[in-house]
Amino acid sequence: MVGSLDDYRIALDILGDDVDPDKISRMLGAEPTMSHRKGDAIRGADGTFRRHAISGRWSIERSSRDINEPDFGTSLRELLDLMTDNLDIWNRLSDQFDTGLFCGIFLTDSNRGFTISPELMSALSDRNLYLGLDLYGPELPQSKE
């Protein structure tokens, strides 16, 4: 039997050398969770310098830990609903930048699954967003050979 996902993180990323986070925020009608311009200092959670950004980034995230929503599809839909549905804006962004979704799926058991509705797949396609999935399963015991 397929169970619900144990934990996940969804990030809508807009990447490119010419990313202007303020302009993208105005275009999408949403504030990013994280953003920087090419060359900006990237700092760790403790504020220490890590590196200079090699490219610009505008990113908005949802996590099952933060929002207490077990359904991946619902969270993905809610993330899209935070931003404009004007497809001309999305087309301009996808023509100029690398635009897509990164999804980290974390499993504590070997049998979990989820679905993405046709309507939601269409909404991603209409916005020219790719969908990247990274799946992380439970640690398997090492064999003793």
N, C-alpha and C. Protein backbone atom coordinates (compact mmCIF):
# COMPACT_ATOMS: atom_id res chain seq x y z
N MET A 1 0.83 -1.18 0.00
CA MET A 1 0.00 0.00 0.00
C MET A 1 0.88 1.24 0.00
N VAL A 2 0.54 2.20 -0.80
CA VAL A 2 1.29 3.44 -0.89
C VAL A 2 0.83 4.37 0.22
N GLY A 3 1.78 4.92 0.96
CA GLY A 3 1.44 5.85 2.03
C GLY A 3 1.76 7.27 1.61
N SER A 4 1.42 8.22 2.48
CA SER A 4 1.73 9.61 2.18
C SER A 4 3.23 9.85 2.37
N LEU A 5 3.69 10.96 1.84
CA LEU A 5 5.10 11.30 1.96
C LEU A 5 5.44 11.65 3.40
N ASP A 6 6.63 11.28 3.81
CA ASP A 6 7.05 11.57 5.17
C ASP A 6 7.47 13.02 5.33
N ASP A 7 8.18 13.54 4.35
CA ASP A 7 8.69 14.90 4.41
C ASP A 7 9.05 15.34 2.99
N TYR A 8 8.87 16.61 2.70
CA TYR A 8 9.25 17.12 1.39
C TYR A 8 9.56 18.60 1.46
N ARG A 9 10.28 19.07 0.46
CA ARG A 9 10.60 20.48 0.30
C ARG A 9 10.42 20.81 -1.17
N ILE A 10 9.70 21.90 -1.46
CA ILE A 10 9.47 22.35 -2.83
C ILE A 10 10.05 23.75 -2.96
N ALA A 11 10.88 23.95 -3.97
CA ALA A 11 11.44 25.28 -4.22
C ALA A 11 11.22 25.65 -5.68
N LEU A 12 10.57 26.78 -5.91
CA LEU A 12 10.46 27.32 -7.25
C LEU A 12 11.65 28.27 -7.42
N ASP A 13 12.53 27.95 -8.36
CA ASP A 13 13.75 28.69 -8.57
C ASP A 13 13.74 29.42 -9.90
N ILE A 14 14.23 30.64 -9.88
CA ILE A 14 14.49 31.41 -11.09
C ILE A 14 15.97 31.77 -11.02
N LEU A 15 16.74 31.25 -11.95
CA LEU A 15 18.19 31.34 -11.91
C LEU A 15 18.74 32.01 -13.16
N GLY A 16 19.77 32.82 -13.00
CA GLY A 16 20.44 33.41 -14.16
C GLY A 16 21.34 34.55 -13.75
N ASP A 17 22.27 34.88 -14.60
CA ASP A 17 23.24 35.93 -14.31
C ASP A 17 22.59 37.30 -14.12
N ASP A 18 21.48 37.54 -14.80
CA ASP A 18 20.84 38.86 -14.75
C ASP A 18 19.62 38.91 -13.84
N VAL A 19 19.49 37.96 -12.93
CA VAL A 19 18.36 37.96 -12.00
C VAL A 19 18.38 39.23 -11.15
N ASP A 20 17.26 39.94 -11.18
CA ASP A 20 17.04 41.12 -10.34
C ASP A 20 15.89 40.75 -9.39
N PRO A 21 16.22 40.35 -8.15
CA PRO A 21 15.18 39.86 -7.24
C PRO A 21 14.01 40.82 -7.04
N ASP A 22 14.27 42.11 -6.94
CA ASP A 22 13.19 43.07 -6.73
C ASP A 22 12.24 43.10 -7.92
N LYS A 23 12.79 43.08 -9.11
CA LYS A 23 11.96 43.10 -10.33
C LYS A 23 11.13 41.82 -10.43
N ILE A 24 11.74 40.69 -10.16
CA ILE A 24 11.01 39.41 -10.24
C ILE A 24 9.90 39.38 -9.19
N SER A 25 10.16 39.89 -8.00
CA SER A 25 9.13 39.95 -6.96
C SER A 25 7.94 40.77 -7.43
N ARG A 26 8.22 41.90 -8.06
CA ARG A 26 7.12 42.74 -8.58
C ARG A 26 6.36 42.02 -9.68
N MET A 27 7.07 41.36 -10.57
CA MET A 27 6.42 40.65 -11.68
C MET A 27 5.51 39.53 -11.17
N LEU A 28 5.99 38.77 -10.19
CA LEU A 28 5.24 37.61 -9.70
C LEU A 28 4.25 37.96 -8.60
N GLY A 29 4.41 39.14 -7.99
CA GLY A 29 3.52 39.52 -6.90
C GLY A 29 3.77 38.73 -5.63
N ALA A 30 5.01 38.32 -5.42
CA ALA A 30 5.36 37.52 -4.25
C ALA A 30 6.79 37.83 -3.82
N GLU A 31 7.04 37.64 -2.54
CA GLU A 31 8.39 37.82 -2.01
C GLU A 31 9.10 36.47 -1.95
N PRO A 32 10.38 36.45 -2.27
CA PRO A 32 11.11 35.18 -2.24
C PRO A 32 11.45 34.75 -0.82
N THR A 33 11.68 33.48 -0.66
CA THR A 33 12.21 32.94 0.58
C THR A 33 13.70 33.24 0.65
N MET A 34 14.34 33.22 -0.53
CA MET A 34 15.77 33.48 -0.64
C MET A 34 16.03 34.13 -2.00
N SER A 35 16.94 35.08 -2.02
CA SER A 35 17.30 35.69 -3.30
C SER A 35 18.67 36.32 -3.19
N HIS A 36 19.33 36.44 -4.33
CA HIS A 36 20.60 37.17 -4.42
C HIS A 36 20.90 37.46 -5.89
N ARG A 37 21.74 38.43 -6.09
CA ARG A 37 22.25 38.77 -7.42
C ARG A 37 23.61 38.07 -7.61
N LYS A 38 24.00 37.94 -8.85
CA LYS A 38 25.32 37.41 -9.17
C LYS A 38 26.36 38.29 -8.47
N GLY A 39 27.30 37.65 -7.78
CA GLY A 39 28.36 38.37 -7.10
C GLY A 39 28.08 38.72 -5.66
N ASP A 40 26.81 38.61 -5.23
CA ASP A 40 26.48 38.90 -3.83
C ASP A 40 27.19 37.91 -2.90
N ALA A 41 27.44 38.35 -1.68
CA ALA A 41 28.01 37.47 -0.67
C ALA A 41 26.93 36.50 -0.19
N ILE A 42 27.24 35.23 -0.19
CA ILE A 42 26.35 34.20 0.34
C ILE A 42 26.85 33.87 1.74
N ARG A 43 25.95 33.95 2.70
CA ARG A 43 26.32 33.72 4.09
C ARG A 43 25.57 32.52 4.65
N GLY A 44 26.18 31.86 5.59
CA GLY A 44 25.55 30.74 6.28
C GLY A 44 24.51 31.23 7.27
N ALA A 45 23.80 30.30 7.89
CA ALA A 45 22.77 30.64 8.87
C ALA A 45 23.35 31.44 10.03
N ASP A 46 24.62 31.24 10.32
CA ASP A 46 25.26 31.97 11.42
C ASP A 46 25.82 33.32 10.98
N GLY A 47 25.65 33.67 9.70
CA GLY A 47 26.10 34.96 9.20
C GLY A 47 27.51 34.98 8.65
N THR A 48 28.22 33.87 8.74
CA THR A 48 29.59 33.86 8.24
C THR A 48 29.61 33.74 6.72
N PHE A 49 30.58 34.41 6.11
CA PHE A 49 30.73 34.40 4.65
C PHE A 49 31.04 32.99 4.17
N ARG A 50 30.36 32.56 3.11
CA ARG A 50 30.62 31.24 2.52
C ARG A 50 31.26 31.36 1.16
N ARG A 51 30.69 32.24 0.30
CA ARG A 51 31.19 32.39 -1.07
C ARG A 51 30.48 33.55 -1.73
N HIS A 52 30.91 33.89 -2.93
CA HIS A 52 30.17 34.85 -3.75
C HIS A 52 29.29 34.08 -4.72
N ALA A 53 28.09 34.57 -4.93
CA ALA A 53 27.14 33.90 -5.83
C ALA A 53 27.67 33.92 -7.26
N ILE A 54 27.71 32.75 -7.88
CA ILE A 54 28.19 32.68 -9.26
C ILE A 54 27.08 33.00 -10.26
N SER A 55 25.85 33.08 -9.76
CA SER A 55 24.69 33.41 -10.59
C SER A 55 23.63 34.02 -9.69
N GLY A 56 22.65 34.67 -10.28
CA GLY A 56 21.54 35.22 -9.51
C GLY A 56 20.50 34.16 -9.22
N ARG A 57 19.72 34.41 -8.17
CA ARG A 57 18.68 33.43 -7.79
C ARG A 57 17.53 34.15 -7.11
N TRP A 58 16.32 33.75 -7.49
CA TRP A 58 15.08 34.13 -6.80
C TRP A 58 14.38 32.82 -6.51
N SER A 59 14.06 32.56 -5.25
CA SER A 59 13.51 31.27 -4.88
C SER A 59 12.43 31.44 -3.82
N ILE A 60 11.36 30.67 -3.97
CA ILE A 60 10.30 30.63 -2.96
C ILE A 60 10.06 29.16 -2.62
N GLU A 61 9.98 28.87 -1.33
CA GLU A 61 9.94 27.48 -0.87
C GLU A 61 8.71 27.18 -0.03
N ARG A 62 8.36 25.90 -0.04
CA ARG A 62 7.35 25.32 0.86
C ARG A 62 7.96 24.03 1.39
N SER A 63 7.71 23.76 2.63
CA SER A 63 8.20 22.54 3.24
C SER A 63 7.11 21.92 4.09
N SER A 64 7.00 20.61 4.05
CA SER A 64 6.00 19.94 4.87
C SER A 64 6.24 20.22 6.35
N ARG A 65 7.46 20.49 6.74
CA ARG A 65 7.77 20.80 8.14
C ARG A 65 7.21 22.16 8.54
N ASP A 66 7.25 23.11 7.62
CA ASP A 66 6.84 24.48 7.92
C ASP A 66 5.34 24.68 7.89
N ILE A 67 4.65 23.97 7.01
CA ILE A 67 3.24 24.25 6.79
C ILE A 67 2.31 23.15 7.27
N ASN A 68 2.89 22.03 7.72
CA ASN A 68 2.09 20.92 8.25
C ASN A 68 1.03 20.44 7.26
N GLU A 69 1.44 20.33 6.00
CA GLU A 69 0.54 19.84 4.94
C GLU A 69 1.12 18.54 4.40
N PRO A 70 0.46 17.41 4.66
CA PRO A 70 1.00 16.13 4.21
C PRO A 70 0.86 15.89 2.71
N ASP A 71 -0.03 16.60 2.03
CA ASP A 71 -0.27 16.33 0.62
C ASP A 71 0.63 17.19 -0.28
N PHE A 72 1.49 16.53 -1.02
CA PHE A 72 2.44 17.21 -1.89
C PHE A 72 1.73 18.07 -2.94
N GLY A 73 0.73 17.51 -3.59
CA GLY A 73 0.00 18.24 -4.63
C GLY A 73 -0.66 19.50 -4.11
N THR A 74 -1.25 19.41 -2.92
CA THR A 74 -1.87 20.59 -2.31
C THR A 74 -0.83 21.67 -2.05
N SER A 75 0.31 21.28 -1.51
CA SER A 75 1.36 22.26 -1.24
C SER A 75 1.89 22.90 -2.52
N LEU A 76 2.04 22.10 -3.56
CA LEU A 76 2.51 22.62 -4.83
C LEU A 76 1.51 23.62 -5.40
N ARG A 77 0.23 23.29 -5.35
CA ARG A 77 -0.81 24.20 -5.83
C ARG A 77 -0.81 25.50 -5.01
N GLU A 78 -0.69 25.39 -3.70
CA GLU A 78 -0.66 26.57 -2.85
C GLU A 78 0.55 27.45 -3.14
N LEU A 79 1.68 26.83 -3.46
CA LEU A 79 2.87 27.59 -3.82
C LEU A 79 2.62 28.40 -5.09
N LEU A 80 2.07 27.77 -6.11
CA LEU A 80 1.76 28.49 -7.36
C LEU A 80 0.75 29.60 -7.13
N ASP A 81 -0.20 29.36 -6.24
CA ASP A 81 -1.24 30.35 -5.96
C ASP A 81 -0.70 31.60 -5.27
N LEU A 82 0.51 31.53 -4.73
CA LEU A 82 1.13 32.71 -4.11
C LEU A 82 1.58 33.74 -5.15
N MET A 83 1.67 33.29 -6.41
CA MET A 83 2.22 34.13 -7.47
C MET A 83 1.19 34.37 -8.57
N THR A 84 1.53 35.29 -9.46
CA THR A 84 0.63 35.64 -10.55
C THR A 84 0.30 34.42 -11.41
N ASP A 85 -0.88 34.45 -12.00
CA ASP A 85 -1.23 33.42 -12.98
C ASP A 85 -1.16 33.98 -14.40
N ASN A 86 -0.56 35.17 -14.55
CA ASN A 86 -0.38 35.81 -15.85
C ASN A 86 0.71 35.05 -16.63
N LEU A 87 0.29 34.30 -17.64
CA LEU A 87 1.23 33.44 -18.38
C LEU A 87 2.21 34.24 -19.22
N ASP A 88 1.85 35.47 -19.61
CA ASP A 88 2.81 36.31 -20.34
C ASP A 88 4.03 36.60 -19.46
N ILE A 89 3.80 36.85 -18.18
CA ILE A 89 4.92 37.09 -17.26
C ILE A 89 5.77 35.83 -17.12
N TRP A 90 5.13 34.70 -16.94
CA TRP A 90 5.88 33.44 -16.82
C TRP A 90 6.68 33.16 -18.09
N ASN A 91 6.09 33.43 -19.25
CA ASN A 91 6.81 33.20 -20.51
C ASN A 91 8.03 34.10 -20.61
N ARG A 92 7.89 35.37 -20.21
CA ARG A 92 9.04 36.28 -20.23
C ARG A 92 10.14 35.79 -19.29
N LEU A 93 9.75 35.35 -18.11
CA LEU A 93 10.74 34.85 -17.16
C LEU A 93 11.43 33.59 -17.68
N SER A 94 10.66 32.66 -18.23
CA SER A 94 11.27 31.41 -18.72
C SER A 94 12.10 31.62 -19.97
N ASP A 95 11.81 32.67 -20.75
CA ASP A 95 12.65 32.99 -21.91
C ASP A 95 14.00 33.53 -21.48
N GLN A 96 14.03 34.25 -20.37
CA GLN A 96 15.25 34.93 -19.93
C GLN A 96 16.06 34.12 -18.90
N PHE A 97 15.38 33.28 -18.12
CA PHE A 97 16.04 32.60 -17.01
C PHE A 97 15.75 31.10 -17.01
N ASP A 98 16.49 30.39 -16.19
CA ASP A 98 16.24 28.98 -15.91
C ASP A 98 15.15 28.94 -14.84
N THR A 99 13.96 28.47 -15.19
CA THR A 99 12.82 28.48 -14.26
C THR A 99 12.33 27.06 -14.03
N GLY A 100 12.21 26.68 -12.78
CA GLY A 100 11.72 25.34 -12.51
C GLY A 100 11.51 25.08 -11.04
N LEU A 101 11.05 23.89 -10.78
CA LEU A 101 10.78 23.44 -9.41
C LEU A 101 11.79 22.36 -9.04
N PHE A 102 12.36 22.52 -7.88
CA PHE A 102 13.18 21.47 -7.30
C PHE A 102 12.40 20.91 -6.12
N CYS A 103 12.24 19.60 -6.09
CA CYS A 103 11.48 18.97 -5.03
C CYS A 103 12.33 17.89 -4.38
N GLY A 104 12.58 18.04 -3.11
CA GLY A 104 13.26 17.01 -2.33
C GLY A 104 12.21 16.20 -1.60
N ILE A 105 12.22 14.90 -1.82
CA ILE A 105 11.25 13.98 -1.21
C ILE A 105 12.04 13.07 -0.26
N PHE A 106 11.67 13.11 1.02
CA PHE A 106 12.40 12.36 2.04
C PHE A 106 11.49 11.27 2.60
N LEU A 107 11.95 10.02 2.50
CA LEU A 107 11.14 8.87 2.89
C LEU A 107 11.75 8.16 4.09
N THR A 108 10.91 7.74 5.01
CA THR A 108 11.39 6.93 6.13
C THR A 108 11.04 5.46 5.95
N ASP A 109 10.30 5.16 4.90
CA ASP A 109 9.92 3.79 4.59
C ASP A 109 10.13 3.58 3.11
N SER A 110 10.13 2.34 2.67
CA SER A 110 10.43 2.05 1.27
C SER A 110 9.23 2.16 0.35
N ASN A 111 8.03 2.34 0.90
CA ASN A 111 6.85 2.36 0.04
C ASN A 111 6.01 3.59 0.33
N ARG A 112 6.30 4.66 -0.38
CA ARG A 112 5.54 5.90 -0.29
C ARG A 112 5.29 6.38 -1.71
N GLY A 113 4.27 7.18 -1.87
CA GLY A 113 3.99 7.69 -3.21
C GLY A 113 3.11 8.91 -3.15
N PHE A 114 2.95 9.55 -4.30
CA PHE A 114 2.10 10.73 -4.40
C PHE A 114 1.68 10.87 -5.86
N THR A 115 0.67 11.65 -6.06
CA THR A 115 0.21 11.93 -7.42
C THR A 115 0.21 13.44 -7.64
N ILE A 116 0.32 13.80 -8.90
CA ILE A 116 0.18 15.19 -9.32
C ILE A 116 -0.94 15.20 -10.35
N SER A 117 -1.98 15.96 -10.08
CA SER A 117 -3.17 15.96 -10.94
C SER A 117 -2.85 16.49 -12.33
N PRO A 118 -3.64 16.11 -13.32
CA PRO A 118 -3.46 16.66 -14.67
C PRO A 118 -3.55 18.18 -14.69
N GLU A 119 -4.45 18.74 -13.88
CA GLU A 119 -4.60 20.20 -13.82
C GLU A 119 -3.32 20.86 -13.31
N LEU A 120 -2.71 20.26 -12.31
CA LEU A 120 -1.47 20.82 -11.76
C LEU A 120 -0.31 20.65 -12.74
N MET A 121 -0.24 19.52 -13.42
CA MET A 121 0.79 19.34 -14.44
C MET A 121 0.62 20.36 -15.56
N SER A 122 -0.61 20.64 -15.92
CA SER A 122 -0.89 21.65 -16.94
C SER A 122 -0.45 23.04 -16.47
N ALA A 123 -0.71 23.36 -15.20
CA ALA A 123 -0.31 24.66 -14.66
C ALA A 123 1.21 24.82 -14.70
N LEU A 124 1.96 23.75 -14.41
CA LEU A 124 3.42 23.80 -14.49
C LEU A 124 3.87 23.99 -15.93
N SER A 125 3.26 23.24 -16.82
CA SER A 125 3.60 23.35 -18.24
C SER A 125 3.27 24.72 -18.79
N ASP A 126 2.11 25.26 -18.43
CA ASP A 126 1.71 26.59 -18.91
C ASP A 126 2.72 27.65 -18.49
N ARG A 127 3.39 27.44 -17.36
CA ARG A 127 4.37 28.40 -16.84
C ARG A 127 5.79 28.07 -17.29
N ASN A 128 5.94 27.04 -18.12
CA ASN A 128 7.25 26.59 -18.60
C ASN A 128 8.19 26.22 -17.45
N LEU A 129 7.65 25.56 -16.45
CA LEU A 129 8.45 25.14 -15.30
C LEU A 129 8.80 23.67 -15.42
N TYR A 130 10.09 23.37 -15.32
CA TYR A 130 10.46 21.96 -15.25
C TYR A 130 10.22 21.47 -13.82
N LEU A 131 10.16 20.17 -13.65
CA LEU A 131 9.95 19.56 -12.34
C LEU A 131 11.10 18.61 -12.08
N GLY A 132 11.95 18.96 -11.13
CA GLY A 132 13.06 18.10 -10.73
C GLY A 132 12.74 17.44 -9.41
N LEU A 133 12.94 16.14 -9.34
CA LEU A 133 12.66 15.38 -8.12
C LEU A 133 13.93 14.71 -7.62
N ASP A 134 14.27 14.95 -6.38
CA ASP A 134 15.33 14.20 -5.70
C ASP A 134 14.66 13.38 -4.62
N LEU A 135 14.88 12.07 -4.67
CA LEU A 135 14.25 11.15 -3.72
C LEU A 135 15.30 10.61 -2.76
N TYR A 136 14.99 10.69 -1.48
CA TYR A 136 15.89 10.21 -0.44
C TYR A 136 15.17 9.15 0.37
N GLY A 137 15.70 7.93 0.33
CA GLY A 137 15.07 6.82 1.02
C GLY A 137 15.73 6.52 2.34
N PRO A 138 15.16 5.54 3.04
CA PRO A 138 15.75 5.16 4.32
C PRO A 138 17.10 4.49 4.11
N GLU A 139 17.95 4.60 5.11
CA GLU A 139 19.24 3.92 5.06
C GLU A 139 19.00 2.41 5.10
N LEU A 140 19.68 1.70 4.23
CA LEU A 140 19.59 0.24 4.23
C LEU A 140 20.75 -0.34 5.03
N PRO A 141 20.50 -1.42 5.74
CA PRO A 141 21.59 -2.02 6.50
C PRO A 141 22.67 -2.52 5.54
N GLN A 142 23.91 -2.35 5.94
CA GLN A 142 25.03 -2.82 5.13
C GLN A 142 25.15 -4.33 5.27
N SER A 143 25.35 -5.01 4.13
CA SER A 143 25.52 -6.47 4.18
C SER A 143 26.91 -6.78 4.71
N LYS A 144 27.02 -7.89 5.42
CA LYS A 144 28.30 -8.31 5.99
C LYS A 144 28.81 -9.48 5.18
N GLU A 145 29.57 -9.16 4.14
CA GLU A 145 30.12 -10.22 3.28
C GLU A 145 31.56 -10.43 3.54
